[in-house]
Amino acid sequence: MTTPLTVTAQARTLDLGTIARIRRRHRVRTLVVVAVGVATCLSLLLITFGLGAAGVPPERSLPALFGVGDRFDLLVVRELRLPRATAAIVAGIAFGLAGALFQSTLRNNLASPDILGISGGASLGAVTAVVGYGAAGTSVNLAAFAGALGAAVAIWVLAWRNGLHGIRFVLVGVGIAYLCGSLISWRLAEAELREAGTVLLWTVGSVADVRDGTLGVLTLGVLVLVLLTVPIAREQRALALGDEHAQGLGLGPTRARLLALLIGVGLVALATAVAGPVAFVALVSPAIARRLVDDGGPALVASAVVGATLTMVSDVVGQYALPGLTAPVGIVTGLVGAPYLLWLLARSDRKASA
């Protein structure tokens, strides 16, 4: 005879089994996204060795990748093409992961570092260092990093009212972005022609000149911040449920939000300080990742992989898609991201009116 207690136990077992299957499916989809992203990046890397006027065919580029070959092959493969591809991948990981942290923490699909002015703060710092003080090299990178942190602190202070609310953070961030953009335009207007050309890439983003020590700092810094993301990954799902639910689960929402945003700001500041403000990668990558994984969560790992793939593909397209024309990676990602932003705004308007 089946008792109510038995029925309840069977239902609970069924629910747990269903949850386990859903989690297993999401893990499999995440692994597939990661595998496809890694395979795409590696394939593009090998393909780019043979592209362009200085291309090296596969039978020579593969040995050169491991340090075997003549000086020309080693120069092209190890000193020109490999650092550029690595910079695109690492910067894409930083932007993609930062975008996922911002969007899940603030519960807003428009909460992207470039829209909120953090990338603009980095650009302003770099432009000010070059135009105002004649800085070069590492000093410019440090100024960009300081500019991003300064913009983040300004947004945090101005948006704080007995707690941090997502919509206020976004609105204040948009205002800071406009302010940074205006100051950058002013700096460029008073700059000499040669200076303006030097800082132009800091307004669009490029990985063409990321080399040696700078690339090492970028890679090491992003690795450390990725590792710091691991302990807070579970907290992102709780934050997505709202502050009351997060508190019910024993999570302090303010502390968790602060940690997540600090890591996100660090990722953006580091990547922008080296590669410039590569537009829309942080906005688009989490949206693509969430659709691919389809688990309703922040999809942090998938967002990082999609960000790397998107940046790598955009850089290759900018270099070789049109013969005789080379475009920085930020131009290509802007052409991809701008239509998505317009679509997202139109979709939000339709939801609001419905």
Protein backbone atom coordinates (compact mmCIF):
# COMPACT_ATOMS: atom_id res chain seq x y z
CA MET A 1 0.00 0.00 0.00
CA THR A 2 1.35 3.42 -1.02
CA THR A 3 1.26 5.97 1.77
CA PRO A 4 1.44 9.77 1.39
CA LEU A 5 4.94 9.63 2.87
CA THR A 6 6.02 7.17 0.17
CA VAL A 7 4.56 9.37 -2.58
CA THR A 8 6.40 12.39 -1.18
CA ALA A 9 9.68 10.47 -1.07
CA GLN A 10 9.19 9.28 -4.66
CA ALA A 11 8.44 12.83 -5.82
CA ARG A 12 11.52 14.12 -4.04
CA THR A 13 13.64 11.40 -5.65
CA LEU A 14 12.16 12.27 -9.06
CA ASP A 15 12.90 15.97 -8.56
CA LEU A 16 16.49 15.26 -7.51
CA GLY A 17 16.94 12.99 -10.52
CA THR A 18 15.56 15.65 -12.86
CA ILE A 19 17.85 18.30 -11.36
CA ALA A 20 20.84 15.97 -11.71
CA ARG A 21 20.03 15.34 -15.40
CA ILE A 22 19.63 19.07 -16.07
CA ARG A 23 22.95 19.86 -14.37
CA ARG A 24 24.66 17.07 -16.28
CA ARG A 25 23.27 18.37 -19.56
CA HIS A 26 24.47 21.90 -18.77
CA ARG A 27 27.93 20.62 -17.87
CA VAL A 28 28.11 18.74 -21.17
CA ARG A 29 27.01 21.82 -23.11
CA THR A 30 29.61 23.93 -21.31
CA LEU A 31 32.33 21.42 -22.17
CA VAL A 32 31.22 21.45 -25.81
CA VAL A 33 31.34 25.26 -25.91
CA VAL A 34 34.81 25.23 -24.36
CA ALA A 35 36.07 22.53 -26.75
CA VAL A 36 34.70 24.29 -29.84
CA GLY A 37 36.08 27.64 -28.69
CA VAL A 38 39.55 26.24 -28.00
CA ALA A 39 39.57 24.37 -31.33
CA THR A 40 38.50 27.52 -33.18
CA CYS A 41 41.22 29.64 -31.59
CA LEU A 42 43.94 27.05 -32.25
CA SER A 43 42.79 26.55 -35.84
CA LEU A 44 42.79 30.30 -36.50
CA LEU A 45 46.24 30.59 -34.93
CA LEU A 46 47.66 27.97 -37.31
CA ILE A 47 45.87 29.54 -40.28
CA THR A 48 47.17 33.04 -39.56
CA PHE A 49 50.76 31.80 -39.72
CA GLY A 50 50.31 31.36 -43.48
CA LEU A 51 48.29 34.50 -44.24
CA GLY A 52 49.52 37.84 -45.51
CA ALA A 53 52.59 38.86 -47.49
CA ALA A 54 54.90 37.43 -44.81
CA GLY A 55 52.97 34.20 -44.37
CA VAL A 56 54.80 30.99 -43.50
CA PRO A 57 53.41 27.71 -44.93
CA PRO A 58 52.35 24.97 -42.50
CA GLU A 59 55.36 22.74 -43.16
CA ARG A 60 57.58 25.54 -41.86
CA SER A 61 55.29 27.32 -39.39
CA LEU A 62 54.67 24.27 -37.19
CA PRO A 63 58.40 23.61 -36.56
CA ALA A 64 58.95 27.35 -36.08
CA LEU A 65 56.26 27.35 -33.41
CA PHE A 66 58.54 25.06 -31.38
CA GLY A 67 61.68 27.06 -32.13
CA VAL A 68 62.91 25.13 -35.17
CA GLY A 69 63.53 26.94 -38.46
CA ASP A 70 65.32 29.87 -40.06
CA ARG A 71 65.34 33.37 -38.61
CA PHE A 72 62.56 34.68 -40.87
CA ASP A 73 60.14 31.89 -39.92
CA LEU A 74 60.90 32.31 -36.21
CA LEU A 75 60.39 36.07 -36.48
CA VAL A 76 57.01 35.79 -38.16
CA VAL A 77 55.65 32.90 -36.09
CA ARG A 78 57.06 33.44 -32.60
CA GLU A 79 57.60 37.21 -32.44
CA LEU A 80 54.78 38.60 -34.61
CA ARG A 81 51.83 36.24 -35.07
CA LEU A 82 51.90 34.21 -31.83
CA PRO A 83 52.04 37.18 -29.39
CA ARG A 84 49.23 38.96 -31.24
CA ALA A 85 46.98 35.90 -31.18
CA THR A 86 47.78 35.24 -27.52
CA ALA A 87 46.95 38.85 -26.63
CA ALA A 88 43.63 38.60 -28.46
CA ILE A 89 42.73 35.37 -26.66
CA VAL A 90 43.72 36.54 -23.17
CA ALA A 91 42.08 39.96 -23.57
CA GLY A 92 38.95 38.26 -24.89
CA ILE A 93 38.85 35.99 -21.83
CA ALA A 94 39.13 39.04 -19.57
CA PHE A 95 36.40 41.01 -21.34
CA GLY A 96 34.04 38.04 -21.66
CA LEU A 97 34.38 37.00 -18.01
CA ALA A 98 34.09 40.60 -16.79
CA GLY A 99 30.92 41.10 -18.80
CA ALA A 100 29.38 37.95 -17.33
CA LEU A 101 30.25 39.07 -13.79
CA PHE A 102 28.77 42.53 -14.33
CA GLN A 103 25.57 41.29 -15.94
CA SER A 104 24.89 38.54 -13.41
CA THR A 105 25.81 40.68 -10.40
CA LEU A 106 23.72 43.69 -11.46
CA ARG A 107 21.00 41.56 -13.08
CA ASN A 108 21.02 43.68 -16.22
CA ASN A 109 22.00 42.58 -19.72
CA LEU A 110 23.15 46.13 -20.48
CA ALA A 111 25.62 46.14 -17.58
CA SER A 112 28.73 45.97 -19.72
CA PRO A 113 32.05 47.60 -18.71
CA ASP A 114 32.33 49.54 -21.97
CA ILE A 115 28.80 50.92 -21.65
CA LEU A 116 29.32 51.73 -17.95
CA GLY A 117 32.40 53.83 -18.63
CA ILE A 118 35.09 51.63 -17.10
CA SER A 119 36.74 51.01 -20.46
CA GLY A 120 36.29 54.72 -21.19
CA GLY A 121 38.10 55.56 -17.96
CA ALA A 122 41.04 53.42 -19.08
CA SER A 123 41.13 55.16 -22.45
CA LEU A 124 40.97 58.56 -20.76
CA GLY A 125 43.89 57.63 -18.51
CA ALA A 126 46.01 56.50 -21.47
CA VAL A 127 45.15 59.51 -23.64
CA THR A 128 45.86 61.92 -20.77
CA ALA A 129 49.23 60.29 -20.11
CA VAL A 130 50.29 60.53 -23.76
CA VAL A 131 48.86 63.93 -24.68
CA GLY A 132 49.26 65.68 -21.36
CA TYR A 133 52.56 64.27 -20.11
CA GLY A 134 54.25 62.69 -23.12
CA ALA A 135 54.29 59.26 -21.49
CA ALA A 136 55.11 56.07 -23.38
CA GLY A 137 55.35 52.33 -22.84
CA THR A 138 54.52 50.94 -19.41
CA SER A 139 53.59 54.37 -18.05
CA VAL A 140 50.69 54.52 -20.50
CA ASN A 141 49.51 51.06 -19.43
CA LEU A 142 49.62 52.08 -15.77
CA ALA A 143 47.72 55.29 -16.52
CA ALA A 144 45.04 53.30 -18.35
CA PHE A 145 44.74 50.90 -15.42
CA ALA A 146 44.41 53.83 -12.99
CA GLY A 147 41.80 55.44 -15.21
CA ALA A 148 39.66 52.30 -15.23
CA LEU A 149 39.87 51.95 -11.45
CA GLY A 150 39.09 55.65 -11.00
CA ALA A 151 35.98 55.37 -13.17
CA ALA A 152 34.84 52.29 -11.22
CA VAL A 153 35.31 54.03 -7.87
CA ALA A 154 33.39 57.11 -9.12
CA ILE A 155 30.49 54.94 -10.29
CA TRP A 156 30.44 53.04 -7.01
CA VAL A 157 30.45 56.19 -4.86
CA LEU A 158 27.82 58.00 -6.92
CA ALA A 159 25.54 54.94 -7.19
CA TRP A 160 25.66 54.00 -3.49
CA ARG A 161 22.49 54.82 -1.56
CA ASN A 162 22.15 52.56 1.49
CA GLY A 163 23.25 49.73 -0.73
CA LEU A 164 24.05 49.13 -4.37
CA HIS A 165 21.17 48.77 -6.80
CA GLY A 166 21.71 47.50 -10.33
CA ILE A 167 19.67 50.09 -12.25
CA ARG A 168 21.28 53.02 -10.42
CA PHE A 169 24.74 51.57 -11.03
CA VAL A 170 23.99 51.26 -14.76
CA LEU A 171 22.59 54.80 -15.07
CA VAL A 172 25.51 56.35 -13.23
CA GLY A 173 27.91 54.26 -15.32
CA VAL A 174 26.36 55.51 -18.57
CA GLY A 175 26.83 59.08 -17.33
CA ILE A 176 30.48 58.39 -16.50
CA ALA A 177 30.95 56.85 -19.96
CA TYR A 178 29.68 60.04 -21.62
CA LEU A 179 31.90 62.14 -19.38
CA CYS A 180 34.98 60.08 -20.26
CA GLY A 181 34.11 60.24 -23.95
CA SER A 182 33.82 64.03 -23.83
CA LEU A 183 37.14 64.41 -22.02
CA ILE A 184 38.86 62.11 -24.53
CA SER A 185 37.50 64.20 -27.42
CA TRP A 186 38.75 67.35 -25.72
CA ARG A 187 42.21 65.85 -25.22
CA LEU A 188 42.37 64.73 -28.85
CA ALA A 189 41.24 68.14 -30.08
CA GLU A 190 44.15 69.88 -28.36
CA ALA A 191 46.73 67.22 -29.25
CA GLU A 192 49.28 67.54 -32.03
CA LEU A 193 48.82 65.42 -35.13
CA ARG A 194 51.52 62.90 -34.20
CA GLU A 195 50.20 62.54 -30.65
CA ALA A 196 46.64 62.10 -31.92
CA GLY A 197 47.78 59.27 -34.15
CA THR A 198 49.55 57.60 -31.24
CA VAL A 199 46.55 57.62 -28.94
CA LEU A 200 43.95 56.85 -31.60
CA LEU A 201 44.22 53.09 -30.97
CA TRP A 202 43.42 53.75 -27.30
CA THR A 203 39.96 54.86 -28.43
CA VAL A 204 39.18 51.73 -30.48
CA GLY A 205 41.30 48.85 -29.12
CA SER A 206 44.07 46.86 -30.78
CA VAL A 207 46.28 43.87 -29.99
CA ALA A 208 48.81 44.56 -32.74
CA ASP A 209 51.60 45.85 -30.49
CA VAL A 210 51.21 43.70 -27.37
CA ARG A 211 54.61 42.09 -26.85
CA ASP A 212 56.94 40.43 -24.34
CA GLY A 213 56.67 41.94 -20.86
CA THR A 214 53.31 43.57 -21.47
CA LEU A 215 51.84 40.30 -22.71
CA GLY A 216 53.30 38.49 -19.70
CA VAL A 217 51.71 40.96 -17.28
CA LEU A 218 48.36 40.64 -19.06
CA THR A 219 48.46 36.83 -19.01
CA LEU A 220 49.57 36.54 -15.40
CA GLY A 221 47.09 39.15 -14.18
CA VAL A 222 44.14 37.57 -15.99
CA LEU A 223 45.12 34.13 -14.69
CA VAL A 224 45.16 35.39 -11.09
CA LEU A 225 41.77 37.10 -11.47
CA VAL A 226 40.26 34.01 -13.12
CA LEU A 227 41.40 31.93 -10.16
CA LEU A 228 39.85 34.48 -7.78
CA THR A 229 36.57 34.06 -9.68
CA VAL A 230 36.34 30.36 -8.89
CA PRO A 231 35.28 30.74 -5.20
CA ILE A 232 32.54 33.29 -6.03
CA ALA A 233 31.13 31.48 -9.07
CA ARG A 234 28.38 29.78 -7.06
CA GLU A 235 27.37 33.09 -5.49
CA GLN A 236 26.44 34.50 -8.90
CA ARG A 237 23.43 32.22 -9.21
CA ALA A 238 22.17 33.32 -5.81
CA LEU A 239 22.62 37.01 -6.70
CA ALA A 240 20.59 36.46 -9.86
CA LEU A 241 17.61 35.50 -7.69
CA GLY A 242 17.57 38.89 -5.93
CA ASP A 243 18.83 40.18 -2.60
CA GLU A 244 16.05 38.64 -0.47
CA HIS A 245 16.56 35.16 -1.90
CA ALA A 246 20.33 35.54 -1.62
CA GLN A 247 20.02 36.45 2.05
CA GLY A 248 17.70 33.49 2.56
CA LEU A 249 20.44 31.26 1.20
CA GLY A 250 22.89 32.71 3.71
CA LEU A 251 24.68 35.00 1.29
CA GLY A 252 25.52 38.64 2.05
CA PRO A 253 24.52 40.31 -1.24
CA THR A 254 26.51 43.50 -0.71
CA ARG A 255 29.74 41.66 0.05
CA ALA A 256 29.22 39.20 -2.81
CA ARG A 257 28.38 41.98 -5.25
CA LEU A 258 31.42 43.98 -4.16
CA LEU A 259 33.80 41.05 -4.67
CA ALA A 260 32.37 40.18 -8.08
CA LEU A 261 32.48 43.76 -9.33
CA LEU A 262 36.03 44.27 -8.03
CA ILE A 263 37.20 41.22 -9.96
CA GLY A 264 35.30 42.37 -13.03
CA VAL A 265 36.82 45.84 -12.81
CA GLY A 266 40.28 44.32 -12.41
CA LEU A 267 39.79 42.20 -15.54
CA VAL A 268 38.58 45.13 -17.62
CA ALA A 269 41.24 47.50 -16.31
CA LEU A 270 44.01 45.03 -17.04
CA ALA A 271 42.81 44.10 -20.53
CA THR A 272 42.04 47.69 -21.51
CA ALA A 273 45.37 48.92 -20.16
CA VAL A 274 47.13 46.55 -22.58
CA ALA A 275 44.80 46.22 -25.58
CA GLY A 276 42.63 49.30 -25.34
CA PRO A 277 38.82 49.36 -25.15
CA VAL A 278 37.85 46.43 -27.41
CA ALA A 279 34.21 47.37 -27.81
CA PHE A 280 31.19 45.19 -27.08
CA VAL A 281 33.04 41.93 -26.34
CA ALA A 282 31.99 42.18 -22.68
CA LEU A 283 28.41 42.93 -23.75
CA VAL A 284 27.93 40.28 -26.43
CA SER A 285 29.94 37.32 -25.10
CA PRO A 286 27.78 36.56 -22.00
CA ALA A 287 24.59 36.74 -24.09
CA ILE A 288 25.96 34.25 -26.63
CA ALA A 289 27.30 32.01 -23.86
CA ARG A 290 24.00 31.92 -21.96
CA ARG A 291 22.17 30.88 -25.12
CA LEU A 292 24.68 28.16 -25.90
CA VAL A 293 24.76 26.74 -22.38
CA ASP A 294 21.06 27.38 -21.70
CA ASP A 295 21.18 26.94 -17.94
CA GLY A 296 19.73 30.27 -16.84
CA GLY A 297 22.90 31.11 -14.92
CA PRO A 298 25.81 33.48 -15.48
CA ALA A 299 27.74 30.99 -17.68
CA LEU A 300 31.09 32.37 -16.54
CA VAL A 301 33.32 29.74 -18.17
CA ALA A 302 31.42 29.80 -21.45
CA SER A 303 31.47 33.62 -21.49
CA ALA A 304 35.25 33.67 -21.12
CA VAL A 305 35.69 31.17 -23.96
CA VAL A 306 33.22 32.99 -26.22
CA GLY A 307 35.00 36.27 -25.47
CA ALA A 308 38.35 34.78 -26.48
CA THR A 309 36.91 33.29 -29.66
CA LEU A 310 35.08 36.48 -30.63
CA THR A 311 38.16 38.63 -30.12
CA MET A 312 40.41 36.22 -32.01
CA VAL A 313 38.00 35.92 -34.95
CA SER A 314 37.50 39.69 -35.08
CA ASP A 315 41.24 40.33 -35.11
CA VAL A 316 41.79 37.87 -37.97
CA VAL A 317 38.89 39.38 -39.93
CA GLY A 318 40.27 42.87 -39.37
CA GLN A 319 43.70 41.83 -40.65
CA TYR A 320 42.88 39.68 -43.66
CA ALA A 321 39.20 39.92 -44.69
CA LEU A 322 39.69 42.85 -47.09
CA PRO A 323 42.90 42.90 -49.17
CA GLY A 324 44.87 46.08 -48.65
CA LEU A 325 42.79 47.17 -45.66
CA THR A 326 43.68 46.49 -42.01
CA ALA A 327 41.29 47.36 -39.19
CA PRO A 328 42.00 47.16 -35.43
CA VAL A 329 40.09 44.48 -33.57
CA GLY A 330 37.98 47.10 -31.77
CA ILE A 331 36.54 48.33 -35.07
CA VAL A 332 35.39 44.84 -36.04
CA THR A 333 33.87 44.05 -32.64
CA GLY A 334 32.11 47.42 -32.75
CA LEU A 335 30.54 46.53 -36.10
CA VAL A 336 29.31 43.28 -34.57
CA GLY A 337 28.23 44.65 -31.20
CA ALA A 338 26.42 47.83 -32.24
CA PRO A 339 23.55 46.01 -34.04
CA TYR A 340 23.22 43.66 -31.06
CA LEU A 341 22.92 46.62 -28.69
CA LEU A 342 20.20 48.18 -30.84
CA TRP A 343 18.36 44.86 -30.95
CA LEU A 344 18.67 44.45 -27.18
CA LEU A 345 17.27 47.95 -26.58
CA ALA A 346 14.36 47.32 -28.96
CA ARG A 347 13.64 43.99 -27.28
CA SER A 348 13.68 45.64 -23.84
CA ASP A 349 11.22 48.29 -25.07
CA ARG A 350 8.85 45.61 -26.37
CA LYS A 351 8.98 43.76 -23.05
CA ALA A 352 8.29 46.97 -21.12
CA SER A 353 5.30 47.88 -23.30
CA ALA A 354 3.92 44.33 -23.05
